[in-house]
Amino acid sequence: MSKKLRIGTRESQLALWQANLVKSLLKHQGIDAELVYIKSEGDLDLATPLYSMGVQGIFTRSLDQALLNHQIDLAVHSMKDVPVLLPAGIKEAAILERDSPFDLLVPHPSHTDFVLDNHTPTTIASSSLRRKAQWLYRFPEDRIEPIRGNVNTRLRKLAASNWQGAVFAAAGLERIGMRPAHAIELEWMIPAPAQGAILVVCREKEEKVFEQCRKLHHETTAFCVQVERDFLAGLIGGCSTPIGALAELEGEEVFFRGNLLDESGKKMFSIEKRISVELAASLGTAAAHELLRNGGNEILEHKQHA
């Protein structure tokens, strides 16, 4: 009898939903698995803004360490939280089919009639530097307040606050059935690279585990998020650099949108590309280099000398 695969997960409702999805998909393949709960640094410190903590890897390091220590056989991550370079000894086993990559504005329960493009200066909550910068670029008179915690905690904080709304990832709210009816989709806000995608990782030399998980792999999603993460890598983007990237397959073409902003939201450099799928292997890297040549390097140089 085969040994059960141990799936490492954080304990939030969203993380458990994602881990249980992987467990269910494996069961459909005749593979038994169980969940192992691991605390992350991001879960233990709920006060410090994410961009001050080093958001890339803050929710994944503890799981990856447990994987390397053989406490678990797989780790399940929200892919937008995963650094571009995986830790030595760990490899990508599967990327699941992507849910909505977009962000949502959830208005305060008492502001269900909130009008996005015709509102007076107001206060919106988000601890994402990318969301903050893109919001302030579009609505420079508004104020952004930090908000931490899992999805449920942030919804409770919003309801108890005097903020007019807070920004969430659509996929997170939809997966656990908590998207409010009055939420507003922000299609103009370019999401984080790989937002809405779930990544399963295993140890490099565990070929059997890799093959079992590979059956869950979704090639189209993997292709699109690779373009986005190549763009991120090409800009040498980190936790304190507001970078958005979205690649979408439209027939035989890839439509790519990316941007780079300064932290205040006063400057933004954007790029759009439409290219055939067969020529798009280096799209993300090429788009990053073009953006840097066309002014984006100004933002990165300013950060280095700040």
C-alpha atoms as a PDB file:
ATOM      1  CA  MET A   1       0.000   0.000   0.000  1.00  0.00           C
ATOM      2  CA  SER A   2       1.361   3.421  -0.978  1.00  0.00           C
ATOM      3  CA  LYS A   3       2.263   5.862   1.763  1.00  0.00           C
ATOM      4  CA  LYS A   4       0.028   8.935   2.051  1.00  0.00           C
ATOM      5  CA  LEU A   5       1.515  12.100   0.616  1.00  0.00           C
ATOM      6  CA  ARG A   6       1.899  14.831   3.235  1.00  0.00           C
ATOM      7  CA  ILE A   7       0.711  18.202   1.926  1.00  0.00           C
ATOM      8  CA  GLY A   8       2.100  21.219   3.763  1.00  0.00           C
ATOM      9  CA  THR A   9      -0.241  24.183   4.151  1.00  0.00           C
ATOM     10  CA  ARG A  10      -0.793  27.324   6.155  1.00  0.00           C
ATOM     11  CA  GLU A  11      -3.839  27.328   8.434  1.00  0.00           C
ATOM     12  CA  SER A  12      -5.885  30.180   6.963  1.00  0.00           C
ATOM     13  CA  GLN A  13      -9.226  29.307   5.381  1.00  0.00           C
ATOM     14  CA  LEU A  14      -7.902  30.214   1.930  1.00  0.00           C
ATOM     15  CA  ALA A  15      -4.680  28.194   2.320  1.00  0.00           C
ATOM     16  CA  LEU A  16      -6.691  25.196   3.535  1.00  0.00           C
ATOM     17  CA  TRP A  17      -9.075  25.527   0.582  1.00  0.00           C
ATOM     18  CA  GLN A  18      -6.110  25.438  -1.790  1.00  0.00           C
ATOM     19  CA  ALA A  19      -4.473  22.486  -0.052  1.00  0.00           C
ATOM     20  CA  ASN A  20      -7.752  20.568   0.046  1.00  0.00           C
ATOM     21  CA  LEU A  21      -8.199  21.220  -3.673  1.00  0.00           C
ATOM     22  CA  VAL A  22      -4.823  19.592  -4.334  1.00  0.00           C
ATOM     23  CA  LYS A  23      -5.721  16.720  -2.004  1.00  0.00           C
ATOM     24  CA  SER A  24      -9.023  16.212  -3.864  1.00  0.00           C
ATOM     25  CA  LEU A  25      -7.384  16.338  -7.302  1.00  0.00           C
ATOM     26  CA  LEU A  26      -4.809  13.775  -6.189  1.00  0.00           C
ATOM     27  CA  LYS A  27      -7.578  11.535  -4.832  1.00  0.00           C
ATOM     28  CA  HIS A  28      -9.200  11.594  -8.284  1.00  0.00           C
ATOM     29  CA  GLN A  29      -5.902  10.173  -9.533  1.00  0.00           C
ATOM     30  CA  GLY A  30      -6.071   7.404  -6.905  1.00  0.00           C
ATOM     31  CA  ILE A  31      -3.432   9.042  -4.673  1.00  0.00           C
ATOM     32  CA  ASP A  32      -4.092   9.431  -0.923  1.00  0.00           C
ATOM     33  CA  ALA A  33      -2.845  12.518   0.890  1.00  0.00           C
ATOM     34  CA  GLU A  34      -3.156  14.273   4.233  1.00  0.00           C
ATOM     35  CA  LEU A  35      -2.643  17.880   5.354  1.00  0.00           C
ATOM     36  CA  VAL A  36       0.176  19.050   7.622  1.00  0.00           C
ATOM     37  CA  TYR A  37      -0.210  22.541   9.118  1.00  0.00           C
ATOM     38  CA  ILE A  38       2.778  24.895   9.079  1.00  0.00           C
ATOM     39  CA  LYS A  39       2.935  28.460  10.457  1.00  0.00           C
ATOM     40  CA  SER A  40       4.504  31.086   8.177  1.00  0.00           C
ATOM     41  CA  GLU A  41       6.314  34.282   9.142  1.00  0.00           C
ATOM     42  CA  GLY A  42       3.563  36.235   7.421  1.00  0.00           C
ATOM     43  CA  ASP A  43       0.950  34.595   9.649  1.00  0.00           C
ATOM     44  CA  LEU A  44       2.855  35.233  12.881  1.00  0.00           C
ATOM     45  CA  ASP A  45       3.422  38.988  12.344  1.00  0.00           C
ATOM     46  CA  LEU A  46       0.107  40.646  11.497  1.00  0.00           C
ATOM     47  CA  ALA A  47       1.156  44.223  12.279  1.00  0.00           C
ATOM     48  CA  THR A  48       4.084  45.005   9.959  1.00  0.00           C
ATOM     49  CA  PRO A  49       3.134  46.023   6.386  1.00  0.00           C
ATOM     50  CA  LEU A  50       4.067  43.255   3.952  1.00  0.00           C
ATOM     51  CA  TYR A  51       6.346  45.467   1.892  1.00  0.00           C
ATOM     52  CA  SER A  52       8.364  46.230   5.046  1.00  0.00           C
ATOM     53  CA  MET A  53       8.736  42.526   5.857  1.00  0.00           C
ATOM     54  CA  GLY A  54       9.880  41.378   2.433  1.00  0.00           C
ATOM     55  CA  VAL A  55       6.678  40.031   0.907  1.00  0.00           C
ATOM     56  CA  GLN A  56       8.364  37.664  -1.565  1.00  0.00           C
ATOM     57  CA  GLY A  57       8.833  34.434   0.326  1.00  0.00           C
ATOM     58  CA  ILE A  58       7.283  35.600   3.597  1.00  0.00           C
ATOM     59  CA  PHE A  59       4.376  33.143   3.205  1.00  0.00           C
ATOM     60  CA  THR A  60       6.409  30.354   1.573  1.00  0.00           C
ATOM     61  CA  ARG A  61       9.706  30.034   3.468  1.00  0.00           C
ATOM     62  CA  SER A  62       8.366  27.994   6.390  1.00  0.00           C
ATOM     63  CA  LEU A  63       6.637  25.527   4.067  1.00  0.00           C
ATOM     64  CA  ASP A  64       9.714  25.205   1.879  1.00  0.00           C
ATOM     65  CA  GLN A  65      11.868  24.573   4.944  1.00  0.00           C
ATOM     66  CA  ALA A  66       9.470  21.873   6.128  1.00  0.00           C
ATOM     67  CA  LEU A  67       9.711  20.294   2.663  1.00  0.00           C
ATOM     68  CA  LEU A  68      13.519  20.321   2.718  1.00  0.00           C
ATOM     69  CA  ASN A  69      13.450  18.858   6.248  1.00  0.00           C
ATOM     70  CA  HIS A  70      11.232  15.963   5.013  1.00  0.00           C
ATOM     71  CA  GLN A  71       8.376  16.973   7.338  1.00  0.00           C
ATOM     72  CA  ILE A  72       6.104  17.112   4.268  1.00  0.00           C
ATOM     73  CA  ASP A  73       6.170  15.763   0.708  1.00  0.00           C
ATOM     74  CA  LEU A  74       4.461  18.673  -1.071  1.00  0.00           C
ATOM     75  CA  ALA A  75       3.859  22.344  -0.379  1.00  0.00           C
ATOM     76  CA  VAL A  76       0.951  24.345  -1.808  1.00  0.00           C
ATOM     77  CA  HIS A  77       1.508  28.057  -2.436  1.00  0.00           C
ATOM     78  CA  SER A  78      -0.373  31.009  -3.854  1.00  0.00           C
ATOM     79  CA  MET A  79       2.013  31.482  -6.750  1.00  0.00           C
ATOM     80  CA  LYS A  80       2.130  35.269  -6.493  1.00  0.00           C
ATOM     81  CA  ASP A  81       3.853  34.818  -3.091  1.00  0.00           C
ATOM     82  CA  VAL A  82       6.617  32.603  -4.507  1.00  0.00           C
ATOM     83  CA  PRO A  83      10.047  34.144  -5.280  1.00  0.00           C
ATOM     84  CA  VAL A  84      11.165  33.935  -8.914  1.00  0.00           C
ATOM     85  CA  LEU A  85      13.978  31.573  -7.919  1.00  0.00           C
ATOM     86  CA  LEU A  86      12.885  28.538  -5.918  1.00  0.00           C
ATOM     87  CA  PRO A  87      15.133  27.399  -3.046  1.00  0.00           C
ATOM     88  CA  ALA A  88      17.841  24.884  -3.903  1.00  0.00           C
ATOM     89  CA  GLY A  89      16.485  21.352  -3.609  1.00  0.00           C
ATOM     90  CA  ILE A  90      12.888  22.298  -4.475  1.00  0.00           C
ATOM     91  CA  LYS A  91      11.193  22.159  -7.874  1.00  0.00           C
ATOM     92  CA  GLU A  92       7.860  23.046  -9.405  1.00  0.00           C
ATOM     93  CA  ALA A  93       5.615  19.969  -9.579  1.00  0.00           C
ATOM     94  CA  ALA A  94       2.377  21.477 -10.892  1.00  0.00           C
ATOM     95  CA  ILE A  95       0.640  24.756 -11.586  1.00  0.00           C
ATOM     96  CA  LEU A  96      -3.134  24.413 -11.333  1.00  0.00           C
ATOM     97  CA  GLU A  97      -5.588  26.047 -13.715  1.00  0.00           C
ATOM     98  CA  ARG A  98      -5.796  29.709 -12.856  1.00  0.00           C
ATOM     99  CA  ASP A  99      -8.810  31.431 -11.315  1.00  0.00           C
ATOM    100  CA  SER A 100      -9.477  35.154 -11.779  1.00  0.00           C
ATOM    101  CA  PRO A 101      -6.188  37.090 -11.731  1.00  0.00           C
ATOM    102  CA  PHE A 102      -7.883  40.421 -10.989  1.00  0.00           C
ATOM    103  CA  ASP A 103      -8.219  42.584  -7.901  1.00  0.00           C
ATOM    104  CA  LEU A 104     -11.510  43.706  -6.378  1.00  0.00           C
ATOM    105  CA  LEU A 105     -12.555  46.731  -4.415  1.00  0.00           C
ATOM    106  CA  VAL A 106     -14.814  45.642  -1.569  1.00  0.00           C
ATOM    107  CA  PRO A 107     -16.696  48.745  -0.389  1.00  0.00           C
ATOM    108  CA  HIS A 108     -17.519  49.097   3.316  1.00  0.00           C
ATOM    109  CA  PRO A 109     -20.871  47.403   4.080  1.00  0.00           C
ATOM    110  CA  SER A 110     -22.404  50.850   4.598  1.00  0.00           C
ATOM    111  CA  HIS A 111     -21.119  52.082   1.195  1.00  0.00           C
ATOM    112  CA  THR A 112     -22.612  49.486  -1.141  1.00  0.00           C
ATOM    113  CA  ASP A 113     -23.473  52.272  -3.602  1.00  0.00           C
ATOM    114  CA  PHE A 114     -19.809  53.322  -3.909  1.00  0.00           C
ATOM    115  CA  VAL A 115     -19.083  54.784  -7.380  1.00  0.00           C
ATOM    116  CA  LEU A 116     -15.502  54.031  -8.381  1.00  0.00           C
ATOM    117  CA  ASP A 117     -14.783  56.710 -10.986  1.00  0.00           C
ATOM    118  CA  ASN A 118     -16.835  59.480  -9.439  1.00  0.00           C
ATOM    119  CA  HIS A 119     -16.012  59.504  -5.745  1.00  0.00           C
ATOM    120  CA  THR A 120     -14.791  62.265  -3.452  1.00  0.00           C
ATOM    121  CA  PRO A 121     -11.348  61.815  -1.814  1.00  0.00           C
ATOM    122  CA  THR A 122     -11.624  58.786   0.421  1.00  0.00           C
ATOM    123  CA  THR A 123      -9.693  56.160   2.402  1.00  0.00           C
ATOM    124  CA  ILE A 124      -9.021  52.703   0.981  1.00  0.00           C
ATOM    125  CA  ALA A 125      -7.191  49.860   2.763  1.00  0.00           C
ATOM    126  CA  SER A 126      -4.433  47.672   1.332  1.00  0.00           C
ATOM    127  CA  SER A 127      -1.022  46.449   2.462  1.00  0.00           C
ATOM    128  CA  SER A 128       0.086  45.701  -1.109  1.00  0.00           C
ATOM    129  CA  LEU A 129       2.536  48.292  -2.410  1.00  0.00           C
ATOM    130  CA  ARG A 130       1.482  47.430  -5.974  1.00  0.00           C
ATOM    131  CA  ARG A 131      -2.203  48.024  -5.233  1.00  0.00           C
ATOM    132  CA  LYS A 132      -1.425  51.193  -3.300  1.00  0.00           C
ATOM    133  CA  ALA A 133       0.724  52.663  -6.099  1.00  0.00           C
ATOM    134  CA  GLN A 134      -1.748  51.821  -8.876  1.00  0.00           C
ATOM    135  CA  TRP A 135      -4.684  53.181  -6.851  1.00  0.00           C
ATOM    136  CA  LEU A 136      -2.918  56.459  -6.064  1.00  0.00           C
ATOM    137  CA  TYR A 137      -1.829  56.850  -9.685  1.00  0.00           C
ATOM    138  CA  ARG A 138      -5.504  56.740 -10.708  1.00  0.00           C
ATOM    139  CA  PHE A 139      -6.941  58.479  -7.623  1.00  0.00           C
ATOM    140  CA  PRO A 140      -4.150  60.727  -6.253  1.00  0.00           C
ATOM    141  CA  GLU A 141      -6.418  62.488  -3.728  1.00  0.00           C
ATOM    142  CA  ASP A 142      -7.263  59.260  -1.897  1.00  0.00           C
ATOM    143  CA  ARG A 143      -5.511  57.866   1.168  1.00  0.00           C
ATOM    144  CA  ILE A 144      -4.320  54.266   1.526  1.00  0.00           C
ATOM    145  CA  GLU A 145      -4.285  52.630   4.974  1.00  0.00           C
ATOM    146  CA  PRO A 146      -2.407  49.379   5.722  1.00  0.00           C
ATOM    147  CA  ILE A 147      -4.454  46.270   6.520  1.00  0.00           C
ATOM    148  CA  ARG A 148      -3.058  42.846   7.472  1.00  0.00           C
ATOM    149  CA  GLY A 149      -4.456  39.408   8.176  1.00  0.00           C
ATOM    150  CA  ASN A 150      -6.079  36.623   6.203  1.00  0.00           C
ATOM    151  CA  VAL A 151      -9.119  37.256   4.006  1.00  0.00           C
ATOM    152  CA  ASN A 152     -11.629  36.762   6.837  1.00  0.00           C
ATOM    153  CA  THR A 153      -9.691  39.022   9.204  1.00  0.00           C
ATOM    154  CA  ARG A 154      -9.410  41.799   6.611  1.00  0.00           C
ATOM    155  CA  LEU A 155     -13.131  41.651   5.865  1.00  0.00           C
ATOM    156  CA  ARG A 156     -13.859  41.980   9.596  1.00  0.00           C
ATOM    157  CA  LYS A 157     -11.412  44.877   9.930  1.00  0.00           C
ATOM    158  CA  LEU A 158     -13.052  46.625   6.976  1.00  0.00           C
ATOM    159  CA  ALA A 159     -16.535  46.242   8.492  1.00  0.00           C
ATOM    160  CA  ALA A 160     -15.317  47.679  11.814  1.00  0.00           C
ATOM    161  CA  SER A 161     -13.446  50.608  10.225  1.00  0.00           C
ATOM    162  CA  ASN A 162     -14.272  54.059   8.871  1.00  0.00           C
ATOM    163  CA  TRP A 163     -12.586  53.189   5.540  1.00  0.00           C
ATOM    164  CA  GLN A 164     -14.695  53.342   2.409  1.00  0.00           C
ATOM    165  CA  GLY A 165     -13.309  50.068   1.068  1.00  0.00           C
ATOM    166  CA  ALA A 166     -10.405  47.621   0.813  1.00  0.00           C
ATOM    167  CA  VAL A 167      -8.722  45.885  -2.131  1.00  0.00           C
ATOM    168  CA  PHE A 168      -8.607  42.072  -2.306  1.00  0.00           C
ATOM    169  CA  ALA A 169      -7.611  39.440  -4.870  1.00  0.00           C
ATOM    170  CA  ALA A 170     -10.777  38.195  -6.560  1.00  0.00           C
ATOM    171  CA  ALA A 171      -9.576  34.577  -6.518  1.00  0.00           C
ATOM    172  CA  GLY A 172      -9.090  34.559  -2.756  1.00  0.00           C
ATOM    173  CA  LEU A 173     -12.596  35.782  -2.005  1.00  0.00           C
ATOM    174  CA  GLU A 174     -14.243  33.591  -4.640  1.00  0.00           C
ATOM    175  CA  ARG A 175     -12.508  30.378  -3.576  1.00  0.00           C
ATOM    176  CA  ILE A 176     -13.908  30.542  -0.057  1.00  0.00           C
ATOM    177  CA  GLY A 177     -17.305  31.912  -1.131  1.00  0.00           C
ATOM    178  CA  MET A 178     -16.834  35.343   0.433  1.00  0.00           C
ATOM    179  CA  ARG A 179     -16.986  37.685  -2.567  1.00  0.00           C
ATOM    180  CA  PRO A 180     -19.585  40.356  -1.634  1.00  0.00           C
ATOM    181  CA  ALA A 181     -22.278  41.058  -4.194  1.00  0.00           C
ATOM    182  CA  HIS A 182     -21.299  44.758  -4.240  1.00  0.00           C
ATOM    183  CA  ALA A 183     -17.574  44.126  -4.930  1.00  0.00           C
ATOM    184  CA  ILE A 184     -16.162  46.041  -7.905  1.00  0.00           C
ATOM    185  CA  GLU A 185     -13.703  44.305 -10.267  1.00  0.00           C
ATOM    186  CA  LEU A 186     -10.645  46.474 -10.973  1.00  0.00           C
ATOM    187  CA  GLU A 187      -9.711  45.375 -14.496  1.00  0.00           C
ATOM    188  CA  TRP A 188      -7.563  48.510 -14.901  1.00  0.00           C
ATOM    189  CA  MET A 189      -5.400  47.402 -11.957  1.00  0.00           C
ATOM    190  CA  ILE A 190      -2.740  45.083 -13.379  1.00  0.00           C
ATOM    191  CA  PRO A 191      -2.391  42.172 -10.942  1.00  0.00           C
ATOM    192  CA  ALA A 192       0.709  40.751  -9.336  1.00  0.00           C
ATOM    193  CA  PRO A 193       2.616  38.287 -11.534  1.00  0.00           C
ATOM    194  CA  ALA A 194       0.967  34.832 -11.217  1.00  0.00           C
ATOM    195  CA  GLN A 195      -1.958  36.140  -9.147  1.00  0.00           C
ATOM    196  CA  GLY A 196      -4.813  33.635  -9.122  1.00  0.00           C
ATOM    197  CA  ALA A 197      -2.523  30.632  -9.763  1.00  0.00           C
ATOM    198  CA  ILE A 198      -1.727  27.833  -7.289  1.00  0.00           C
ATOM    199  CA  LEU A 199       1.727  26.220  -7.262  1.00  0.00           C
ATOM    200  CA  VAL A 200       2.586  22.754  -5.940  1.00  0.00           C
ATOM    201  CA  VAL A 201       6.270  22.112  -5.182  1.00  0.00           C
ATOM    202  CA  CYS A 202       8.201  18.999  -4.187  1.00  0.00           C
ATOM    203  CA  ARG A 203      11.814  18.016  -3.509  1.00  0.00           C
ATOM    204  CA  GLU A 204      14.033  17.888  -6.591  1.00  0.00           C
ATOM    205  CA  LYS A 205      14.909  14.188  -6.395  1.00  0.00           C
ATOM    206  CA  GLU A 206      11.414  12.909  -5.580  1.00  0.00           C
ATOM    207  CA  GLU A 207      10.566  11.752  -9.101  1.00  0.00           C
ATOM    208  CA  LYS A 208       7.588   9.610  -8.062  1.00  0.00           C
ATOM    209  CA  VAL A 209       5.980  12.503  -6.187  1.00  0.00           C
ATOM    210  CA  PHE A 210       6.739  14.810  -9.104  1.00  0.00           C
ATOM    211  CA  GLU A 211       5.037  12.470 -11.594  1.00  0.00           C
ATOM    212  CA  GLN A 212       1.994  12.084  -9.341  1.00  0.00           C
ATOM    213  CA  CYS A 213       1.558  15.850  -9.081  1.00  0.00           C
ATOM    214  CA  ARG A 214       2.364  16.536 -12.727  1.00  0.00           C
ATOM    215  CA  LYS A 215      -1.007  15.079 -13.689  1.00  0.00           C
ATOM    216  CA  LEU A 216      -2.560  18.223 -12.145  1.00  0.00           C
ATOM    217  CA  HIS A 217      -0.457  20.606 -14.264  1.00  0.00           C
ATOM    218  CA  HIS A 218      -2.263  23.146 -16.496  1.00  0.00           C
ATOM    219  CA  GLU A 219      -0.071  24.110 -19.454  1.00  0.00           C
ATOM    220  CA  THR A 220      -1.888  27.308 -20.476  1.00  0.00           C
ATOM    221  CA  THR A 221      -1.728  28.732 -16.959  1.00  0.00           C
ATOM    222  CA  ALA A 222       1.924  27.701 -16.649  1.00  0.00           C
ATOM    223  CA  PHE A 223       2.776  29.445 -19.934  1.00  0.00           C
ATOM    224  CA  CYS A 224       1.058  32.705 -18.944  1.00  0.00           C
ATOM    225  CA  VAL A 225       2.487  32.913 -15.437  1.00  0.00           C
ATOM    226  CA  GLN A 226       5.977  32.164 -16.771  1.00  0.00           C
ATOM    227  CA  VAL A 227       5.708  35.221 -19.036  1.00  0.00           C
ATOM    228  CA  GLU A 228       4.638  37.307 -16.035  1.00  0.00           C
ATOM    229  CA  ARG A 229       7.400  36.012 -13.771  1.00  0.00           C
ATOM    230  CA  ASP A 230       9.993  36.548 -16.519  1.00  0.00           C
ATOM    231  CA  PHE A 231       8.823  40.175 -16.632  1.00  0.00           C
ATOM    232  CA  LEU A 232       9.224  40.415 -12.847  1.00  0.00           C
ATOM    233  CA  ALA A 233      12.699  38.873 -13.004  1.00  0.00           C
ATOM    234  CA  GLY A 234      13.690  41.185 -15.864  1.00  0.00           C
ATOM    235  CA  LEU A 235      12.852  44.203 -13.709  1.00  0.00           C
ATOM    236  CA  ILE A 236      14.725  42.732 -10.735  1.00  0.00           C
ATOM    237  CA  GLY A 237      11.467  43.212  -8.865  1.00  0.00           C
ATOM    238  CA  GLY A 238      11.198  42.646  -5.145  1.00  0.00           C
ATOM    239  CA  CYS A 239       8.731  43.218  -2.346  1.00  0.00           C
ATOM    240  CA  SER A 240       9.191  46.984  -2.329  1.00  0.00           C
ATOM    241  CA  THR A 241       8.837  47.513  -6.080  1.00  0.00           C
ATOM    242  CA  PRO A 242       5.274  47.966  -7.381  1.00  0.00           C
ATOM    243  CA  ILE A 243       5.146  45.716 -10.457  1.00  0.00           C
ATOM    244  CA  GLY A 244       2.071  44.405 -12.257  1.00  0.00           C
ATOM    245  CA  ALA A 245       2.002  41.788 -15.028  1.00  0.00           C
ATOM    246  CA  LEU A 246      -0.739  39.875 -16.796  1.00  0.00           C
ATOM    247  CA  ALA A 247      -0.462  37.552 -19.814  1.00  0.00           C
ATOM    248  CA  GLU A 248      -3.672  36.233 -21.373  1.00  0.00           C
ATOM    249  CA  LEU A 249      -4.064  33.713 -24.176  1.00  0.00           C
ATOM    250  CA  GLU A 250      -6.444  34.965 -26.866  1.00  0.00           C
ATOM    251  CA  GLY A 251      -6.710  32.359 -29.613  1.00  0.00           C
ATOM    252  CA  GLU A 252      -3.261  31.961 -31.141  1.00  0.00           C
ATOM    253  CA  GLU A 253      -1.953  35.163 -29.543  1.00  0.00           C
ATOM    254  CA  VAL A 254      -0.708  36.265 -26.137  1.00  0.00           C
ATOM    255  CA  PHE A 255      -1.847  39.662 -24.886  1.00  0.00           C
ATOM    256  CA  PHE A 256       0.532  41.017 -22.248  1.00  0.00           C
ATOM    257  CA  ARG A 257       0.199  44.045 -19.985  1.00  0.00           C
ATOM    258  CA  GLY A 258       2.825  45.142 -17.507  1.00  0.00           C
ATOM    259  CA  ASN A 259       3.698  48.175 -15.430  1.00  0.00           C
ATOM    260  CA  LEU A 260       6.240  49.552 -12.997  1.00  0.00           C
ATOM    261  CA  LEU A 261       5.450  52.379 -10.567  1.00  0.00           C
ATOM    262  CA  ASP A 262       7.205  54.383  -7.927  1.00  0.00           C
ATOM    263  CA  GLU A 263       6.004  53.739  -4.379  1.00  0.00           C
ATOM    264  CA  SER A 264       4.048  57.003  -4.195  1.00  0.00           C
ATOM    265  CA  GLY A 265       2.032  56.226  -7.317  1.00  0.00           C
ATOM    266  CA  LYS A 266       3.134  59.471  -8.964  1.00  0.00           C
ATOM    267  CA  LYS A 267       5.038  57.816 -11.814  1.00  0.00           C
ATOM    268  CA  MET A 268       4.078  54.810 -13.864  1.00  0.00           C
ATOM    269  CA  PHE A 269       5.680  53.169 -16.905  1.00  0.00           C
ATOM    270  CA  SER A 270       3.471  50.721 -18.798  1.00  0.00           C
ATOM    271  CA  ILE A 271       3.810  48.337 -21.693  1.00  0.00           C
ATOM    272  CA  GLU A 272       1.392  46.274 -23.799  1.00  0.00           C
ATOM    273  CA  LYS A 273       2.323  43.559 -26.266  1.00  0.00           C
ATOM    274  CA  ARG A 274       0.336  41.249 -28.523  1.00  0.00           C
ATOM    275  CA  ILE A 275       2.315  38.427 -30.096  1.00  0.00           C
ATOM    276  CA  SER A 276       1.726  34.956 -31.533  1.00  0.00           C
ATOM    277  CA  VAL A 277       2.083  32.113 -29.042  1.00  0.00           C
ATOM    278  CA  GLU A 278       4.890  30.466 -31.015  1.00  0.00           C
ATOM    279  CA  LEU A 279       7.012  33.639 -30.738  1.00  0.00           C
ATOM    280  CA  ALA A 280       6.197  34.420 -27.102  1.00  0.00           C
ATOM    281  CA  ALA A 281       8.751  32.305 -25.211  1.00  0.00           C
ATOM    282  CA  SER A 282      10.865  35.359 -24.314  1.00  0.00           C
ATOM    283  CA  LEU A 283       7.978  37.846 -24.180  1.00  0.00           C
ATOM    284  CA  GLY A 284       8.228  38.649 -20.464  1.00  0.00           C
ATOM    285  CA  THR A 285      11.968  39.281 -20.523  1.00  0.00           C
ATOM    286  CA  ALA A 286      11.782  41.347 -23.736  1.00  0.00           C
ATOM    287  CA  ALA A 287       8.911  43.440 -22.339  1.00  0.00           C
ATOM    288  CA  ALA A 288      10.870  44.141 -19.143  1.00  0.00           C
ATOM    289  CA  HIS A 289      13.933  45.285 -21.069  1.00  0.00           C
ATOM    290  CA  GLU A 290      11.827  47.497 -23.339  1.00  0.00           C
ATOM    291  CA  LEU A 291      10.091  49.070 -20.341  1.00  0.00           C
ATOM    292  CA  LEU A 292      13.448  49.818 -18.721  1.00  0.00           C
ATOM    293  CA  ARG A 293      14.773  51.406 -21.931  1.00  0.00           C
ATOM    294  CA  ASN A 294      11.665  53.568 -22.214  1.00  0.00           C
ATOM    295  CA  GLY A 295      11.973  55.169 -18.793  1.00  0.00           C
ATOM    296  CA  GLY A 296      11.337  52.443 -16.255  1.00  0.00           C
ATOM    297  CA  ASN A 297      14.989  52.359 -15.267  1.00  0.00           C
ATOM    298  CA  GLU A 298      14.469  55.805 -13.720  1.00  0.00           C
ATOM    299  CA  ILE A 299      12.308  54.269 -10.979  1.00  0.00           C
ATOM    300  CA  LEU A 300      14.761  51.465 -10.193  1.00  0.00           C
ATOM    301  CA  GLU A 301      17.747  53.834 -10.137  1.00  0.00           C
ATOM    302  CA  HIS A 302      15.908  56.196  -7.800  1.00  0.00           C
ATOM    303  CA  LYS A 303      15.203  53.287  -5.424  1.00  0.00           C
ATOM    304  CA  GLN A 304      18.848  52.229  -5.422  1.00  0.00           C
ATOM    305  CA  HIS A 305      19.970  55.733  -4.438  1.00  0.00           C
ATOM    306  CA  ALA A 306      17.159  56.438  -1.964  1.00  0.00           C
END
